[in-house]
N, C-alpha and C. Protein backbone atom coordinates (compact mmCIF):
# COMPACT_ATOMS: atom_id res chain seq x y z
N MET A 1 24.42 -13.39 2.26
CA MET A 1 23.19 -14.37 2.51
C MET A 1 21.78 -13.81 2.11
N THR A 2 20.83 -15.10 0.91
CA THR A 2 19.92 -15.32 0.24
C THR A 2 18.45 -15.25 1.74
N ALA A 3 17.93 -13.96 2.16
CA ALA A 3 16.89 -14.73 2.15
C ALA A 3 15.67 -14.97 1.26
N TYR A 4 14.75 -15.66 2.41
CA TYR A 4 13.58 -15.60 1.83
C TYR A 4 12.40 -15.81 2.19
N CYS A 5 11.65 -15.18 1.41
CA CYS A 5 10.53 -15.57 2.39
C CYS A 5 9.75 -16.58 2.30
N SER A 6 8.92 -17.32 4.48
CA SER A 6 8.38 -18.08 4.65
C SER A 6 7.47 -18.62 3.87
N SER A 7 6.42 -17.24 3.46
CA SER A 7 4.36 -17.80 2.24
C SER A 7 5.04 -18.14 1.01
N CYS A 8 6.54 -17.27 0.40
CA CYS A 8 6.03 -17.85 -0.95
C CYS A 8 6.80 -18.61 -1.43
N GLY A 9 8.35 -17.65 -1.40
CA GLY A 9 9.28 -18.32 -1.32
C GLY A 9 9.78 -18.07 -2.29
N ASN A 10 9.83 -16.75 -2.77
CA ASN A 10 10.16 -15.40 -3.31
C ASN A 10 11.73 -14.85 -1.88
N ALA A 11 12.94 -14.74 -3.00
CA ALA A 11 14.20 -13.99 -2.71
C ALA A 11 14.00 -13.26 -1.75
N LEU A 12 14.18 -12.21 -0.78
CA LEU A 12 14.64 -11.30 -0.04
C LEU A 12 15.84 -9.73 -0.59
N PRO A 13 15.49 -9.02 0.03
CA PRO A 13 16.66 -7.85 -0.02
C PRO A 13 17.12 -8.22 0.79
N PRO A 14 18.29 -8.45 1.78
CA PRO A 14 18.76 -7.94 3.17
C PRO A 14 18.08 -7.78 3.88
N ALA A 15 17.86 -6.38 3.71
CA ALA A 15 17.07 -5.36 5.52
C ALA A 15 15.55 -5.23 4.08
N ALA A 16 15.10 -6.38 3.94
CA ALA A 16 13.73 -5.90 4.09
C ALA A 16 13.29 -6.43 5.38
N ARG A 17 12.01 -5.41 5.24
CA ARG A 17 10.17 -6.02 6.29
C ARG A 17 9.78 -7.14 6.08
N PHE A 18 9.59 -6.17 4.64
CA PHE A 18 8.67 -7.37 4.28
C PHE A 18 8.38 -7.82 2.83
N CYS A 19 8.47 -8.97 2.78
CA CYS A 19 7.72 -10.30 1.79
C CYS A 19 7.22 -8.59 0.38
N SER A 20 7.71 -7.99 -1.12
CA SER A 20 7.84 -7.40 -2.19
C SER A 20 6.51 -8.05 -2.43
N ALA A 21 6.00 -9.50 -3.15
CA ALA A 21 5.35 -10.82 -3.81
C ALA A 21 4.09 -10.85 -2.83
N CYS A 22 4.20 -11.39 -1.65
CA CYS A 22 3.31 -11.13 -0.72
C CYS A 22 2.18 -10.52 0.48
N GLY A 23 3.57 -9.35 0.55
CA GLY A 23 3.35 -8.59 1.98
C GLY A 23 3.84 -9.54 3.03
N THR A 24 3.56 -10.52 3.06
CA THR A 24 4.39 -10.86 4.33
C THR A 24 5.15 -10.66 5.52
N ALA A 25 5.29 -10.25 6.54
CA ALA A 25 6.49 -9.17 7.93
C ALA A 25 7.27 -10.19 7.66
N VAL A 26 9.04 -9.94 7.21
CA VAL A 26 9.59 -10.72 7.34
C VAL A 26 10.23 -10.56 8.49
N ALA A 27 9.72 -12.08 9.94
CA ALA A 27 10.65 -11.71 10.73
C ALA A 27 12.04 -12.13 11.06
N GLY A 28 12.49 -11.91 12.00
CA GLY A 28 14.25 -12.76 12.30
C GLY A 28 15.76 -11.61 12.02
N PHE A 29 15.54 -10.75 10.89
CA PHE A 29 16.18 -10.08 9.95
C PHE A 29 16.19 -9.12 11.61
N ALA A 30 17.90 -8.32 10.75
CA ALA A 30 18.37 -7.22 12.15
C ALA A 30 18.45 -5.76 11.10
N ASN A 31 18.05 -4.84 11.20
CA ASN A 31 17.69 -3.53 11.10
C ASN A 31 19.74 -3.39 9.92
N ALA A 32 19.28 -3.08 8.85
CA ALA A 32 21.03 -3.19 8.54
C ALA A 32 21.01 -1.81 7.80
N GLY A 33 20.33 -0.54 8.35
CA GLY A 33 20.78 1.06 8.24
C GLY A 33 21.41 0.97 9.02
N PHE A 34 22.35 2.23 9.56
CA PHE A 34 23.75 3.37 9.70
C PHE A 34 23.34 3.82 10.83
N SER A 35 23.35 3.90 11.91
CA SER A 35 22.93 5.61 12.03
C SER A 35 23.93 6.57 12.16
N PRO A 36 24.31 7.95 12.53
CA PRO A 36 24.83 8.76 11.74
C PRO A 36 26.37 8.80 11.62
N THR A 37 26.38 8.49 13.03
CA THR A 37 27.39 8.18 13.82
C THR A 37 28.22 6.80 12.73
N GLY A 38 28.01 6.42 12.44
CA GLY A 38 28.97 5.28 11.53
C GLY A 38 28.73 3.70 12.37
N PHE A 39 28.47 3.72 13.43
CA PHE A 39 27.53 2.41 13.44
C PHE A 39 26.72 1.96 13.76
N PRO A 40 26.15 0.72 13.49
CA PRO A 40 25.37 -0.19 13.37
C PRO A 40 23.95 0.39 14.41
N ALA A 41 22.92 0.83 14.03
CA ALA A 41 21.87 1.08 14.56
C ALA A 41 20.44 0.32 15.52
N TYR A 42 21.19 0.42 17.02
CA TYR A 42 20.29 -0.54 17.73
C TYR A 42 18.71 -0.18 17.44
N VAL A 43 18.08 -1.05 17.55
CA VAL A 43 16.98 -1.04 17.75
C VAL A 43 16.29 -2.60 18.80
N PRO A 44 15.24 -2.27 19.20
CA PRO A 44 15.11 -3.49 19.62
C PRO A 44 13.72 -4.16 19.25
N ARG A 45 14.10 -5.50 19.74
CA ARG A 45 13.22 -6.40 19.11
C ARG A 45 11.93 -6.46 19.34
N LEU A 46 11.77 -6.18 21.14
CA LEU A 46 10.15 -6.47 20.75
C LEU A 46 10.11 -5.06 22.12
N VAL A 47 9.71 -4.15 20.90
CA VAL A 47 8.72 -2.69 21.40
C VAL A 47 7.45 -2.70 21.16
N ARG A 48 6.68 -2.51 22.55
CA ARG A 48 5.20 -1.59 22.15
C ARG A 48 5.22 -0.78 21.39
N PRO A 49 4.39 -0.77 20.16
CA PRO A 49 3.94 0.27 18.80
C PRO A 49 3.17 1.55 19.64
N LEU A 50 2.76 2.56 19.10
CA LEU A 50 2.76 3.42 19.64
C LEU A 50 1.42 3.29 18.70
N PHE A 51 1.09 3.29 17.68
CA PHE A 51 -0.69 2.57 17.18
C PHE A 51 -0.76 0.74 16.78
N GLY A 52 -2.04 1.26 17.02
CA GLY A 52 -2.46 -0.23 16.74
C GLY A 52 -2.07 -1.34 17.98
N ARG A 53 -2.34 -0.46 18.75
CA ARG A 53 -2.07 -1.70 20.52
C ARG A 53 -3.79 -0.92 20.48
N GLN A 54 -4.17 -2.39 21.09
CA GLN A 54 -5.69 -2.02 21.84
C GLN A 54 -5.94 -1.38 23.66
N ILE A 55 -4.40 -2.39 25.03
CA ILE A 55 -4.55 -2.01 26.04
C ILE A 55 -3.42 -1.37 25.84
N ALA A 56 -2.37 -1.71 25.96
CA ALA A 56 -0.88 -1.70 25.77
C ALA A 56 -0.01 -1.81 25.09
N GLY A 57 -0.40 -2.32 24.07
CA GLY A 57 0.27 -3.09 22.93
C GLY A 57 1.17 -4.66 23.04
N VAL A 58 1.13 -5.28 24.11
CA VAL A 58 1.85 -6.63 23.61
C VAL A 58 1.99 -7.34 23.24
N CYS A 59 0.64 -7.19 22.98
CA CYS A 59 -0.40 -8.68 21.59
C CYS A 59 0.21 -7.98 20.57
N ALA A 60 0.67 -6.92 20.37
CA ALA A 60 1.09 -6.46 19.10
C ALA A 60 1.90 -6.63 18.90
N ALA A 61 2.73 -5.88 20.25
CA ALA A 61 4.47 -5.63 20.14
C ALA A 61 4.98 -7.84 19.98
N LEU A 62 4.65 -8.94 20.42
CA LEU A 62 5.41 -10.40 19.92
C LEU A 62 4.74 -10.38 18.98
N ALA A 63 3.36 -9.91 18.06
CA ALA A 63 3.01 -9.89 17.01
C ALA A 63 4.06 -10.26 16.29
N ARG A 64 3.85 -8.28 16.28
CA ARG A 64 5.46 -7.77 15.55
C ARG A 64 6.23 -8.86 15.38
N ALA A 65 6.36 -8.99 16.50
CA ALA A 65 8.43 -9.83 17.21
C ALA A 65 8.69 -10.96 15.91
N TYR A 66 7.38 -11.50 15.86
CA TYR A 66 7.25 -12.83 15.26
C TYR A 66 7.43 -13.19 14.29
N GLY A 67 5.78 -12.02 13.72
CA GLY A 67 4.82 -12.62 12.90
C GLY A 67 4.08 -13.61 12.59
N TRP A 68 3.33 -13.07 14.10
CA TRP A 68 2.28 -13.96 14.39
C TRP A 68 1.11 -13.29 13.58
N ASP A 69 -0.10 -13.50 14.16
CA ASP A 69 -1.19 -13.28 13.19
C ASP A 69 -2.04 -12.52 14.50
N ILE A 70 -1.49 -10.97 15.12
CA ILE A 70 -2.56 -9.87 16.28
C ILE A 70 -4.07 -10.28 16.65
N GLY A 71 -4.30 -10.61 15.75
CA GLY A 71 -5.92 -11.81 15.98
C GLY A 71 -5.32 -12.36 16.23
N LEU A 72 -5.51 -13.63 16.11
CA LEU A 72 -5.35 -14.72 16.91
C LEU A 72 -4.14 -15.00 17.97
N LEU A 73 -3.67 -14.22 18.32
CA LEU A 73 -3.00 -14.53 18.96
C LEU A 73 -3.37 -13.00 20.44
N ARG A 74 -4.57 -12.71 20.24
CA ARG A 74 -5.32 -11.29 21.48
C ARG A 74 -5.77 -12.38 22.01
N GLY A 75 -6.84 -13.28 20.50
CA GLY A 75 -8.00 -14.54 21.22
C GLY A 75 -7.17 -15.29 21.67
N LEU A 76 -6.44 -15.65 21.98
CA LEU A 76 -5.39 -16.57 22.73
C LEU A 76 -5.18 -15.95 24.51
N ALA A 77 -5.06 -14.75 23.93
CA ALA A 77 -4.42 -14.00 25.24
C ALA A 77 -6.40 -13.67 26.38
N VAL A 78 -7.14 -13.66 25.98
CA VAL A 78 -8.61 -13.62 26.22
C VAL A 78 -9.30 -15.24 26.50
N VAL A 79 -8.48 -16.22 25.80
CA VAL A 79 -9.38 -17.50 26.56
C VAL A 79 -8.15 -18.14 27.66
N ALA A 80 -6.98 -17.58 28.38
CA ALA A 80 -6.19 -17.97 28.43
C ALA A 80 -6.38 -17.04 30.06
N GLY A 81 -5.99 -15.78 30.25
CA GLY A 81 -6.61 -15.05 31.29
C GLY A 81 -8.77 -15.61 30.76
N ILE A 82 -9.20 -15.62 30.31
CA ILE A 82 -10.34 -16.37 31.41
C ILE A 82 -9.40 -18.01 31.87
N PHE A 83 -9.80 -19.42 32.00
CA PHE A 83 -9.46 -20.16 32.11
C PHE A 83 -8.11 -20.69 32.98
N LEU A 84 -7.55 -19.57 33.32
CA LEU A 84 -6.08 -20.48 34.10
C LEU A 84 -5.56 -18.99 34.25
N CYS A 85 -6.73 -18.25 34.92
CA CYS A 85 -6.75 -17.32 36.20
C CYS A 85 -5.23 -17.83 37.04
N PRO A 86 -5.13 -16.80 37.53
CA PRO A 86 -4.57 -15.41 37.27
C PRO A 86 -2.53 -15.56 36.23
N ILE A 87 -2.46 -16.15 36.06
CA ILE A 87 -0.93 -16.88 35.41
C ILE A 87 -0.47 -15.27 33.47
N PRO A 88 -1.68 -15.60 33.42
CA PRO A 88 -1.74 -14.49 31.39
C PRO A 88 -1.71 -13.20 32.04
N GLU A 89 -2.40 -12.60 33.05
CA GLU A 89 -2.22 -11.73 33.88
C GLU A 89 -1.08 -10.71 33.89
N ILE A 90 -0.69 -11.77 35.50
CA ILE A 90 0.08 -11.12 35.56
C ILE A 90 1.89 -11.27 33.89
N ALA A 91 1.34 -11.95 33.18
CA ALA A 91 2.92 -11.99 32.66
C ALA A 91 2.34 -10.97 31.68
N TYR A 92 1.57 -10.78 31.50
CA TYR A 92 0.83 -9.66 30.37
C TYR A 92 1.27 -8.61 30.98
N VAL A 93 1.50 -7.65 32.46
CA VAL A 93 1.64 -7.29 33.20
C VAL A 93 3.29 -6.76 33.29
N ALA A 94 3.79 -7.95 33.66
CA ALA A 94 5.36 -7.55 33.64
C ALA A 94 5.50 -7.51 31.58
N PHE A 95 4.95 -8.27 30.89
CA PHE A 95 5.12 -6.97 29.48
C PHE A 95 5.39 -6.26 29.69
N TRP A 96 4.24 -6.06 29.70
CA TRP A 96 3.40 -4.02 29.85
C TRP A 96 4.62 -3.19 30.43
N ILE A 97 5.06 -4.01 31.78
CA ILE A 97 6.47 -2.73 32.62
C ILE A 97 7.67 -3.55 32.25
N GLY A 98 7.59 -4.75 31.11
CA GLY A 98 8.96 -4.90 30.95
C GLY A 98 10.00 -4.08 29.27
N LEU A 99 8.73 -5.07 28.44
CA LEU A 99 8.75 -3.69 27.61
C LEU A 99 8.67 -2.66 26.51
N PRO A 100 9.55 -1.83 26.06
CA PRO A 100 9.67 -0.29 26.05
C PRO A 100 9.29 -0.46 25.34
N GLU A 101 8.12 0.97 25.00
CA GLU A 101 7.90 1.78 23.95
C GLU A 101 8.45 1.62 22.68
N GLU A 102 7.83 1.94 21.33
CA GLU A 102 8.25 1.98 20.39
C GLU A 102 9.22 3.32 19.93
N PRO A 103 10.08 3.89 19.57
CA PRO A 103 10.39 5.51 19.27
C PRO A 103 9.30 6.17 18.84
N VAL A 104 9.27 6.97 18.36
CA VAL A 104 8.51 8.30 18.49
C VAL A 104 9.22 7.83 16.87
N ALA A 105 9.73 7.84 16.36
CA ALA A 105 11.08 8.31 14.78
C ALA A 105 10.75 6.67 14.57
N ALA A 106 10.38 6.25 15.14
CA ALA A 106 10.51 4.56 13.95
C ALA A 106 9.19 3.98 13.37
N THR A 107 8.18 5.49 14.07
CA THR A 107 6.76 4.84 13.65
C THR A 107 6.27 5.43 12.07
N PRO A 108 5.64 4.06 11.35
CA PRO A 108 5.77 4.02 10.16
C PRO A 108 4.67 5.17 9.60
N LEU A 109 5.06 5.50 8.52
CA LEU A 109 3.98 7.73 8.62
C LEU A 109 2.59 6.80 8.38
N GLY A 110 2.75 6.12 7.45
CA GLY A 110 1.00 4.82 6.78
C GLY A 110 0.94 4.94 8.07
N GLN A 111 0.59 4.22 9.39
CA GLN A 111 0.14 4.41 9.83
C GLN A 111 0.09 6.15 11.55
N MET A 112 0.47 6.39 11.13
CA MET A 112 -0.06 8.17 12.06
C MET A 112 -1.75 8.41 12.29
N PRO A 113 -2.14 8.60 12.81
CA PRO A 113 -3.39 8.53 12.95
C PRO A 113 -3.76 10.32 12.61
N ASN A 114 -4.92 9.90 11.94
CA ASN A 114 -5.48 10.88 10.96
C ASN A 114 -5.95 12.27 12.16
N VAL A 115 -5.56 13.55 12.08
CA VAL A 115 -5.60 14.60 12.84
C VAL A 115 -5.79 15.71 12.31
N PRO A 116 -6.96 15.74 12.19
CA PRO A 116 -7.95 17.16 11.51
C PRO A 116 -6.34 18.63 12.45
N PRO A 117 -7.10 19.04 10.36
CA PRO A 117 -6.24 20.39 10.77
C PRO A 117 -7.05 21.24 11.15
N GLN A 118 -6.22 22.25 12.04
CA GLN A 118 -6.24 23.33 12.95
C GLN A 118 -6.71 24.91 11.87
N PRO A 119 -8.26 25.30 12.23
CA PRO A 119 -9.14 26.70 11.38
C PRO A 119 -7.46 27.32 11.37
């Protein structure tokens, strides 16, 4: 089954996470890799990232999983938190408790923080 980018319409390989033409994140495709045991690797779709989060990573997790704009999602969360007290705050804390953190091995090398070398 051929997948196509929702932004530019280019054909994508089955294991693509990003479109090679426009760079749009591809959401909704399962991991095509296999674990060393031969069984398909299980990677939960909703995980709080280790890097790129502001408070707990809830907005970053939702934006990454569904391909939404993270800035827009954070802005909506703040506006909803101001005008709809306390419902969004309770939902945020529930997601914070319920969503697992991203495993360390799954963190892309391009997002690793710059650590100064030790003398």
